Amino acid sequence: MEQILVIEDDSAIRDLLRRGLAYENYKVTTAADGPSGLAAARDNPPDLVVLDWMMPGMDGLEVCRRLRTASNVPILMLTAKDSISDRVIGLETGADDYLVKPFAFPELLARIHALLRRAAPSSKPEVLRYSDLQLDTGTRLAKRTDRTFELTAKEYDLLEYLIRNPRQVLTREQILDRVWGYDFGGESNVLEVYVRYLRQKTEANNEPRLIHTVRGVGYVLREE
């Protein structure tokens, strides 16, 4: 049974999530603030975290940063903030997904399913290669020439999709559907944010760019 940690200071929302997720056969642990949520994650590591942004004291962004330094556990952030800049801040902090309050429980459930599905380990580990870039599906580590680097869960999903489809122009819609599992919205720049993350990691030693923008369409993994 997969375990979900809910960190939410609103008792009504916290109880709703606890009951609803338990009904869906998840094992649910709850915490009412950031410090107790971090302690719960440390003592009993969850498979996924549902995290509220607006909490007194230690807010969700700080909790997200600390969780992300410790593991690649999928994090779904809940917040009343709905601007594009707020979404980007949450994602850049390390959240894998973002849901605006008030939300419909079926949508939250669908996003949880998508995050858990993508975090599941590959049944047959393999090393994917393109040019001097390698991606190990077992360890989820990437390598370029002699340099190995770690990826967050969503960075890994995006790079895996690109490296499995080299030299193919993939549209934004294709990538959002495959990597995020739903239509994130045409106005969102979540994909651009994660492409920037991957470029920073794959080009850290000034290596030639492999992830190219096809303006107005999407992205392609190819050599110059």
C-alpha atoms as a PDB file:
ATOM      1  CA  MET A   1       0.000   0.000   0.000  1.00  0.00           C
ATOM      2  CA  GLU A   2       1.473   3.354  -1.055  1.00  0.00           C
ATOM      3  CA  GLN A   3       1.918   5.929   1.674  1.00  0.00           C
ATOM      4  CA  ILE A   4       0.991   9.591   1.288  1.00  0.00           C
ATOM      5  CA  LEU A   5       2.033  12.321   3.707  1.00  0.00           C
ATOM      6  CA  VAL A   6      -0.349  15.298   3.873  1.00  0.00           C
ATOM      7  CA  ILE A   7       1.147  18.503   5.344  1.00  0.00           C
ATOM      8  CA  GLU A   8      -1.726  20.993   5.690  1.00  0.00           C
ATOM      9  CA  ASP A   9      -2.548  23.462   8.458  1.00  0.00           C
ATOM     10  CA  ASP A  10      -6.271  23.732   7.624  1.00  0.00           C
ATOM     11  CA  SER A  11      -7.891  20.977   9.692  1.00  0.00           C
ATOM     12  CA  ALA A  12     -10.945  20.692   7.406  1.00  0.00           C
ATOM     13  CA  ILE A  13      -8.838  20.189   4.272  1.00  0.00           C
ATOM     14  CA  ARG A  14      -6.445  17.905   6.126  1.00  0.00           C
ATOM     15  CA  ASP A  15      -9.305  15.669   7.321  1.00  0.00           C
ATOM     16  CA  LEU A  16     -10.914  15.680   3.862  1.00  0.00           C
ATOM     17  CA  LEU A  17      -7.671  14.495   2.280  1.00  0.00           C
ATOM     18  CA  ARG A  18      -7.072  11.904   4.984  1.00  0.00           C
ATOM     19  CA  ARG A  19     -10.538  10.380   4.580  1.00  0.00           C
ATOM     20  CA  GLY A  20     -10.626  10.626   0.785  1.00  0.00           C
ATOM     21  CA  LEU A  21      -7.189   9.136   0.223  1.00  0.00           C
ATOM     22  CA  ALA A  22      -7.756   6.394   2.782  1.00  0.00           C
ATOM     23  CA  TYR A  23     -10.958   5.489   0.915  1.00  0.00           C
ATOM     24  CA  GLU A  24      -8.816   5.131  -2.233  1.00  0.00           C
ATOM     25  CA  ASN A  25      -6.671   2.574  -0.351  1.00  0.00           C
ATOM     26  CA  TYR A  26      -3.694   4.805   0.379  1.00  0.00           C
ATOM     27  CA  LYS A  27      -1.993   4.762   3.749  1.00  0.00           C
ATOM     28  CA  VAL A  28      -2.221   8.368   4.920  1.00  0.00           C
ATOM     29  CA  THR A  29      -0.124  10.257   7.459  1.00  0.00           C
ATOM     30  CA  THR A  30      -0.966  13.877   8.285  1.00  0.00           C
ATOM     31  CA  ALA A  31       0.879  16.816   9.799  1.00  0.00           C
ATOM     32  CA  ALA A  32      -0.459  20.265  10.697  1.00  0.00           C
ATOM     33  CA  ASP A  33       2.743  22.265  10.204  1.00  0.00           C
ATOM     34  CA  GLY A  34       6.104  22.232   8.482  1.00  0.00           C
ATOM     35  CA  PRO A  35       8.356  20.976  11.278  1.00  0.00           C
ATOM     36  CA  SER A  36       6.082  18.055  12.172  1.00  0.00           C
ATOM     37  CA  GLY A  37       5.715  17.234   8.476  1.00  0.00           C
ATOM     38  CA  LEU A  38       9.478  17.095   8.023  1.00  0.00           C
ATOM     39  CA  ALA A  39       9.780  14.887  11.108  1.00  0.00           C
ATOM     40  CA  ALA A  40       7.102  12.534   9.741  1.00  0.00           C
ATOM     41  CA  ALA A  41       8.880  12.353   6.367  1.00  0.00           C
ATOM     42  CA  ARG A  42      12.170  11.578   8.085  1.00  0.00           C
ATOM     43  CA  ASP A  43      10.813   8.935  10.443  1.00  0.00           C
ATOM     44  CA  ASN A  44       8.580   7.170   7.913  1.00  0.00           C
ATOM     45  CA  PRO A  45       9.501   8.149   4.329  1.00  0.00           C
ATOM     46  CA  PRO A  46       6.347   8.476   2.188  1.00  0.00           C
ATOM     47  CA  ASP A  47       5.809   7.598  -1.455  1.00  0.00           C
ATOM     48  CA  LEU A  48       4.311  11.048  -2.124  1.00  0.00           C
ATOM     49  CA  VAL A  49       3.785  14.323  -0.244  1.00  0.00           C
ATOM     50  CA  VAL A  50       0.761  16.610  -0.550  1.00  0.00           C
ATOM     51  CA  LEU A  51       2.035  19.960   0.739  1.00  0.00           C
ATOM     52  CA  ASP A  52       0.224  23.210   1.514  1.00  0.00           C
ATOM     53  CA  TRP A  53       2.082  26.389   0.543  1.00  0.00           C
ATOM     54  CA  MET A  54       0.499  28.897   2.950  1.00  0.00           C
ATOM     55  CA  MET A  55       1.315  27.716   6.447  1.00  0.00           C
ATOM     56  CA  PRO A  56       2.285  29.858   9.448  1.00  0.00           C
ATOM     57  CA  GLY A  57       5.870  29.690  10.608  1.00  0.00           C
ATOM     58  CA  MET A  58       7.714  27.428   8.186  1.00  0.00           C
ATOM     59  CA  ASP A  59       5.827  27.750   4.894  1.00  0.00           C
ATOM     60  CA  GLY A  60       5.424  25.117   2.211  1.00  0.00           C
ATOM     61  CA  LEU A  61       8.261  26.466   0.084  1.00  0.00           C
ATOM     62  CA  GLU A  62      10.771  25.957   2.874  1.00  0.00           C
ATOM     63  CA  VAL A  63       9.359  22.504   3.626  1.00  0.00           C
ATOM     64  CA  CYS A  64       9.630  21.661  -0.078  1.00  0.00           C
ATOM     65  CA  ARG A  65      13.270  22.788  -0.211  1.00  0.00           C
ATOM     66  CA  ARG A  66      14.169  20.642   2.780  1.00  0.00           C
ATOM     67  CA  LEU A  67      12.292  17.612   1.481  1.00  0.00           C
ATOM     68  CA  ARG A  68      13.977  17.952  -1.891  1.00  0.00           C
ATOM     69  CA  THR A  69      17.474  18.076  -0.417  1.00  0.00           C
ATOM     70  CA  ALA A  70      16.764  14.768   1.327  1.00  0.00           C
ATOM     71  CA  SER A  71      15.035  12.785  -1.428  1.00  0.00           C
ATOM     72  CA  ASN A  72      13.282  12.772  -4.799  1.00  0.00           C
ATOM     73  CA  VAL A  73       9.879  11.990  -3.274  1.00  0.00           C
ATOM     74  CA  PRO A  74       7.089  13.349  -5.544  1.00  0.00           C
ATOM     75  CA  ILE A  75       5.624  16.563  -4.102  1.00  0.00           C
ATOM     76  CA  LEU A  76       2.191  17.931  -5.002  1.00  0.00           C
ATOM     77  CA  MET A  77       1.833  21.499  -3.751  1.00  0.00           C
ATOM     78  CA  LEU A  78      -1.557  22.974  -2.795  1.00  0.00           C
ATOM     79  CA  THR A  79      -2.053  26.714  -2.729  1.00  0.00           C
ATOM     80  CA  ALA A  80      -4.503  29.562  -3.196  1.00  0.00           C
ATOM     81  CA  LYS A  81      -1.878  31.350  -5.301  1.00  0.00           C
ATOM     82  CA  ASP A  82      -2.814  30.924  -8.943  1.00  0.00           C
ATOM     83  CA  SER A  83      -0.569  33.254 -10.940  1.00  0.00           C
ATOM     84  CA  ILE A  84       1.960  31.883 -13.394  1.00  0.00           C
ATOM     85  CA  SER A  85       4.829  33.425 -11.407  1.00  0.00           C
ATOM     86  CA  ASP A  86       3.634  31.657  -8.260  1.00  0.00           C
ATOM     87  CA  ARG A  87       3.493  28.336 -10.095  1.00  0.00           C
ATOM     88  CA  VAL A  88       7.033  28.836 -11.329  1.00  0.00           C
ATOM     89  CA  ILE A  89       8.261  29.644  -7.811  1.00  0.00           C
ATOM     90  CA  GLY A  90       6.691  26.457  -6.470  1.00  0.00           C
ATOM     91  CA  LEU A  91       8.147  24.332  -9.247  1.00  0.00           C
ATOM     92  CA  GLU A  92      11.583  25.907  -9.003  1.00  0.00           C
ATOM     93  CA  THR A  93      11.589  25.139  -5.287  1.00  0.00           C
ATOM     94  CA  GLY A  94      11.259  21.456  -6.130  1.00  0.00           C
ATOM     95  CA  ALA A  95       7.550  20.653  -6.338  1.00  0.00           C
ATOM     96  CA  ASP A  96       6.597  18.171  -9.056  1.00  0.00           C
ATOM     97  CA  ASP A  97       3.055  19.437  -9.478  1.00  0.00           C
ATOM     98  CA  TYR A  98       0.846  22.303  -8.388  1.00  0.00           C
ATOM     99  CA  LEU A  99      -2.901  22.413  -7.632  1.00  0.00           C
ATOM    100  CA  VAL A 100      -4.830  25.604  -6.890  1.00  0.00           C
ATOM    101  CA  LYS A 101      -7.404  25.754  -4.094  1.00  0.00           C
ATOM    102  CA  PRO A 102     -10.308  25.194  -4.138  1.00  0.00           C
ATOM    103  CA  PHE A 103      -9.724  21.952  -6.016  1.00  0.00           C
ATOM    104  CA  ALA A 104     -11.879  19.023  -7.084  1.00  0.00           C
ATOM    105  CA  PHE A 105     -10.859  15.830  -5.303  1.00  0.00           C
ATOM    106  CA  PRO A 106     -11.002  13.714  -8.519  1.00  0.00           C
ATOM    107  CA  GLU A 107      -8.446  16.045 -10.122  1.00  0.00           C
ATOM    108  CA  LEU A 108      -6.172  15.816  -7.092  1.00  0.00           C
ATOM    109  CA  LEU A 109      -6.483  12.041  -7.224  1.00  0.00           C
ATOM    110  CA  ALA A 110      -5.624  11.973 -10.930  1.00  0.00           C
ATOM    111  CA  ARG A 111      -2.497  14.029 -10.351  1.00  0.00           C
ATOM    112  CA  ILE A 112      -1.444  11.788  -7.465  1.00  0.00           C
ATOM    113  CA  HIS A 113      -1.901   8.728  -9.683  1.00  0.00           C
ATOM    114  CA  ALA A 114       0.209  10.340 -12.423  1.00  0.00           C
ATOM    115  CA  LEU A 115       3.022  11.303 -10.033  1.00  0.00           C
ATOM    116  CA  LEU A 116       3.154   7.863  -8.433  1.00  0.00           C
ATOM    117  CA  ARG A 117       3.067   6.114 -11.802  1.00  0.00           C
ATOM    118  CA  ARG A 118       5.999   8.136 -13.077  1.00  0.00           C
ATOM    119  CA  ALA A 119       7.968   7.636  -9.870  1.00  0.00           C
ATOM    120  CA  ALA A 120       7.642   3.850 -10.055  1.00  0.00           C
ATOM    121  CA  PRO A 121      10.958   2.166 -10.877  1.00  0.00           C
ATOM    122  CA  SER A 122      11.428   0.551 -14.251  1.00  0.00           C
ATOM    123  CA  SER A 123      10.893  -3.209 -14.179  1.00  0.00           C
ATOM    124  CA  LYS A 124      13.892  -3.750 -16.473  1.00  0.00           C
ATOM    125  CA  PRO A 125      16.695  -1.266 -15.791  1.00  0.00           C
ATOM    126  CA  GLU A 126      18.625  -0.165 -18.863  1.00  0.00           C
ATOM    127  CA  VAL A 127      21.079   2.527 -19.895  1.00  0.00           C
ATOM    128  CA  LEU A 128      19.680   4.851 -22.545  1.00  0.00           C
ATOM    129  CA  ARG A 129      22.217   6.661 -24.720  1.00  0.00           C
ATOM    130  CA  TYR A 130      22.303   9.502 -27.179  1.00  0.00           C
ATOM    131  CA  SER A 131      25.570  11.108 -28.274  1.00  0.00           C
ATOM    132  CA  ASP A 132      27.651  11.433 -25.086  1.00  0.00           C
ATOM    133  CA  LEU A 133      24.565  11.534 -22.848  1.00  0.00           C
ATOM    134  CA  GLN A 134      23.538   8.476 -20.810  1.00  0.00           C
ATOM    135  CA  LEU A 135      20.511   7.854 -18.585  1.00  0.00           C
ATOM    136  CA  ASP A 136      20.407   4.859 -16.232  1.00  0.00           C
ATOM    137  CA  THR A 137      16.783   3.825 -15.627  1.00  0.00           C
ATOM    138  CA  GLY A 138      17.810   1.735 -12.639  1.00  0.00           C
ATOM    139  CA  THR A 139      19.734   4.335 -10.642  1.00  0.00           C
ATOM    140  CA  ARG A 140      17.932   7.271 -12.342  1.00  0.00           C
ATOM    141  CA  LEU A 141      21.310   8.981 -12.730  1.00  0.00           C
ATOM    142  CA  ALA A 142      22.436  10.801 -15.850  1.00  0.00           C
ATOM    143  CA  LYS A 143      25.945  11.006 -17.258  1.00  0.00           C
ATOM    144  CA  ARG A 144      27.611  13.198 -19.829  1.00  0.00           C
ATOM    145  CA  THR A 145      31.144  12.204 -20.845  1.00  0.00           C
ATOM    146  CA  ASP A 146      32.735  11.448 -17.433  1.00  0.00           C
ATOM    147  CA  ARG A 147      30.381  13.602 -15.365  1.00  0.00           C
ATOM    148  CA  THR A 148      27.495  11.974 -13.464  1.00  0.00           C
ATOM    149  CA  PHE A 149      24.633  14.088 -12.104  1.00  0.00           C
ATOM    150  CA  GLU A 150      21.378  13.562 -10.240  1.00  0.00           C
ATOM    151  CA  LEU A 151      17.896  14.437 -11.469  1.00  0.00           C
ATOM    152  CA  THR A 152      14.667  15.235  -9.683  1.00  0.00           C
ATOM    153  CA  ALA A 153      11.719  12.946 -10.432  1.00  0.00           C
ATOM    154  CA  LYS A 154      10.245  15.274 -13.037  1.00  0.00           C
ATOM    155  CA  GLU A 155      13.600  16.098 -14.633  1.00  0.00           C
ATOM    156  CA  TYR A 156      14.188  12.371 -15.024  1.00  0.00           C
ATOM    157  CA  ASP A 157      10.775  11.838 -16.642  1.00  0.00           C
ATOM    158  CA  LEU A 158      11.366  14.628 -19.133  1.00  0.00           C
ATOM    159  CA  LEU A 159      14.884  13.529 -20.052  1.00  0.00           C
ATOM    160  CA  GLU A 160      13.788   9.908 -20.397  1.00  0.00           C
ATOM    161  CA  TYR A 161      11.049  10.910 -22.841  1.00  0.00           C
ATOM    162  CA  LEU A 162      13.470  12.992 -24.883  1.00  0.00           C
ATOM    163  CA  ILE A 163      16.232  10.372 -24.983  1.00  0.00           C
ATOM    164  CA  ARG A 164      13.775   7.644 -25.987  1.00  0.00           C
ATOM    165  CA  ASN A 165      12.726   9.820 -28.928  1.00  0.00           C
ATOM    166  CA  PRO A 166      15.972  11.335 -30.265  1.00  0.00           C
ATOM    167  CA  ARG A 167      15.912  13.586 -33.319  1.00  0.00           C
ATOM    168  CA  GLN A 168      12.095  13.716 -33.170  1.00  0.00           C
ATOM    169  CA  VAL A 169      10.403  17.071 -32.714  1.00  0.00           C
ATOM    170  CA  LEU A 170       8.043  16.593 -29.762  1.00  0.00           C
ATOM    171  CA  THR A 171       5.249  19.114 -29.335  1.00  0.00           C
ATOM    172  CA  ARG A 172       4.545  20.827 -26.016  1.00  0.00           C
ATOM    173  CA  GLU A 173       1.231  18.963 -25.866  1.00  0.00           C
ATOM    174  CA  GLN A 174       2.901  15.589 -26.387  1.00  0.00           C
ATOM    175  CA  ILE A 175       5.457  16.263 -23.673  1.00  0.00           C
ATOM    176  CA  LEU A 176       2.954  17.633 -21.159  1.00  0.00           C
ATOM    177  CA  ASP A 177       0.676  14.650 -21.702  1.00  0.00           C
ATOM    178  CA  ARG A 178       3.489  12.102 -21.403  1.00  0.00           C
ATOM    179  CA  VAL A 179       5.481  13.660 -18.565  1.00  0.00           C
ATOM    180  CA  TRP A 180       2.788  15.383 -16.516  1.00  0.00           C
ATOM    181  CA  GLY A 181      -0.099  13.112 -17.501  1.00  0.00           C
ATOM    182  CA  TYR A 182      -2.614  15.850 -18.256  1.00  0.00           C
ATOM    183  CA  ASP A 183      -3.023  19.204 -19.969  1.00  0.00           C
ATOM    184  CA  PHE A 184      -1.157  21.646 -17.748  1.00  0.00           C
ATOM    185  CA  GLY A 185      -2.693  24.573 -19.642  1.00  0.00           C
ATOM    186  CA  GLY A 186      -1.474  26.502 -22.634  1.00  0.00           C
ATOM    187  CA  GLU A 187      -0.586  29.506 -20.497  1.00  0.00           C
ATOM    188  CA  SER A 188       1.755  27.570 -18.219  1.00  0.00           C
ATOM    189  CA  ASN A 189       5.525  27.607 -18.670  1.00  0.00           C
ATOM    190  CA  VAL A 190       6.188  24.562 -16.488  1.00  0.00           C
ATOM    191  CA  LEU A 191       7.790  22.783 -19.455  1.00  0.00           C
ATOM    192  CA  GLU A 192      10.122  25.682 -20.169  1.00  0.00           C
ATOM    193  CA  VAL A 193      11.148  25.729 -16.503  1.00  0.00           C
ATOM    194  CA  TYR A 194      12.159  22.059 -16.566  1.00  0.00           C
ATOM    195  CA  VAL A 195      13.906  22.326 -19.926  1.00  0.00           C
ATOM    196  CA  ARG A 196      15.993  25.089 -18.363  1.00  0.00           C
ATOM    197  CA  TYR A 197      16.797  22.824 -15.406  1.00  0.00           C
ATOM    198  CA  LEU A 198      17.920  20.029 -17.727  1.00  0.00           C
ATOM    199  CA  ARG A 199      20.030  22.345 -19.849  1.00  0.00           C
ATOM    200  CA  GLN A 200      21.777  23.642 -16.734  1.00  0.00           C
ATOM    201  CA  LYS A 201      22.659  20.086 -15.716  1.00  0.00           C
ATOM    202  CA  THR A 202      23.500  18.645 -19.137  1.00  0.00           C
ATOM    203  CA  GLU A 203      25.607  21.681 -20.109  1.00  0.00           C
ATOM    204  CA  ALA A 204      27.256  22.299 -16.721  1.00  0.00           C
ATOM    205  CA  ASN A 205      30.766  21.877 -18.179  1.00  0.00           C
ATOM    206  CA  ASN A 206      29.982  23.888 -21.318  1.00  0.00           C
ATOM    207  CA  GLU A 207      29.132  20.763 -23.275  1.00  0.00           C
ATOM    208  CA  PRO A 208      27.366  21.287 -26.617  1.00  0.00           C
ATOM    209  CA  ARG A 209      23.602  21.718 -26.329  1.00  0.00           C
ATOM    210  CA  LEU A 210      21.502  18.628 -26.995  1.00  0.00           C
ATOM    211  CA  ILE A 211      18.009  19.853 -26.013  1.00  0.00           C
ATOM    212  CA  HIS A 212      16.900  22.314 -28.681  1.00  0.00           C
ATOM    213  CA  THR A 213      13.830  24.521 -28.921  1.00  0.00           C
ATOM    214  CA  VAL A 214      11.710  24.295 -32.041  1.00  0.00           C
ATOM    215  CA  ARG A 215      10.015  27.660 -31.882  1.00  0.00           C
ATOM    216  CA  GLY A 216       6.244  27.500 -31.804  1.00  0.00           C
ATOM    217  CA  VAL A 217       6.241  23.691 -31.675  1.00  0.00           C
ATOM    218  CA  GLY A 218       8.212  22.074 -28.861  1.00  0.00           C
ATOM    219  CA  TYR A 219      11.622  20.479 -28.310  1.00  0.00           C
ATOM    220  CA  VAL A 220      14.003  17.983 -29.882  1.00  0.00           C
ATOM    221  CA  LEU A 221      17.005  16.047 -28.592  1.00  0.00           C
ATOM    222  CA  ARG A 222      19.688  16.269 -31.289  1.00  0.00           C
ATOM    223  CA  GLU A 223      23.297  17.210 -31.853  1.00  0.00           C
ATOM    224  CA  GLU A 224      24.211  20.565 -33.344  1.00  0.00           C
END
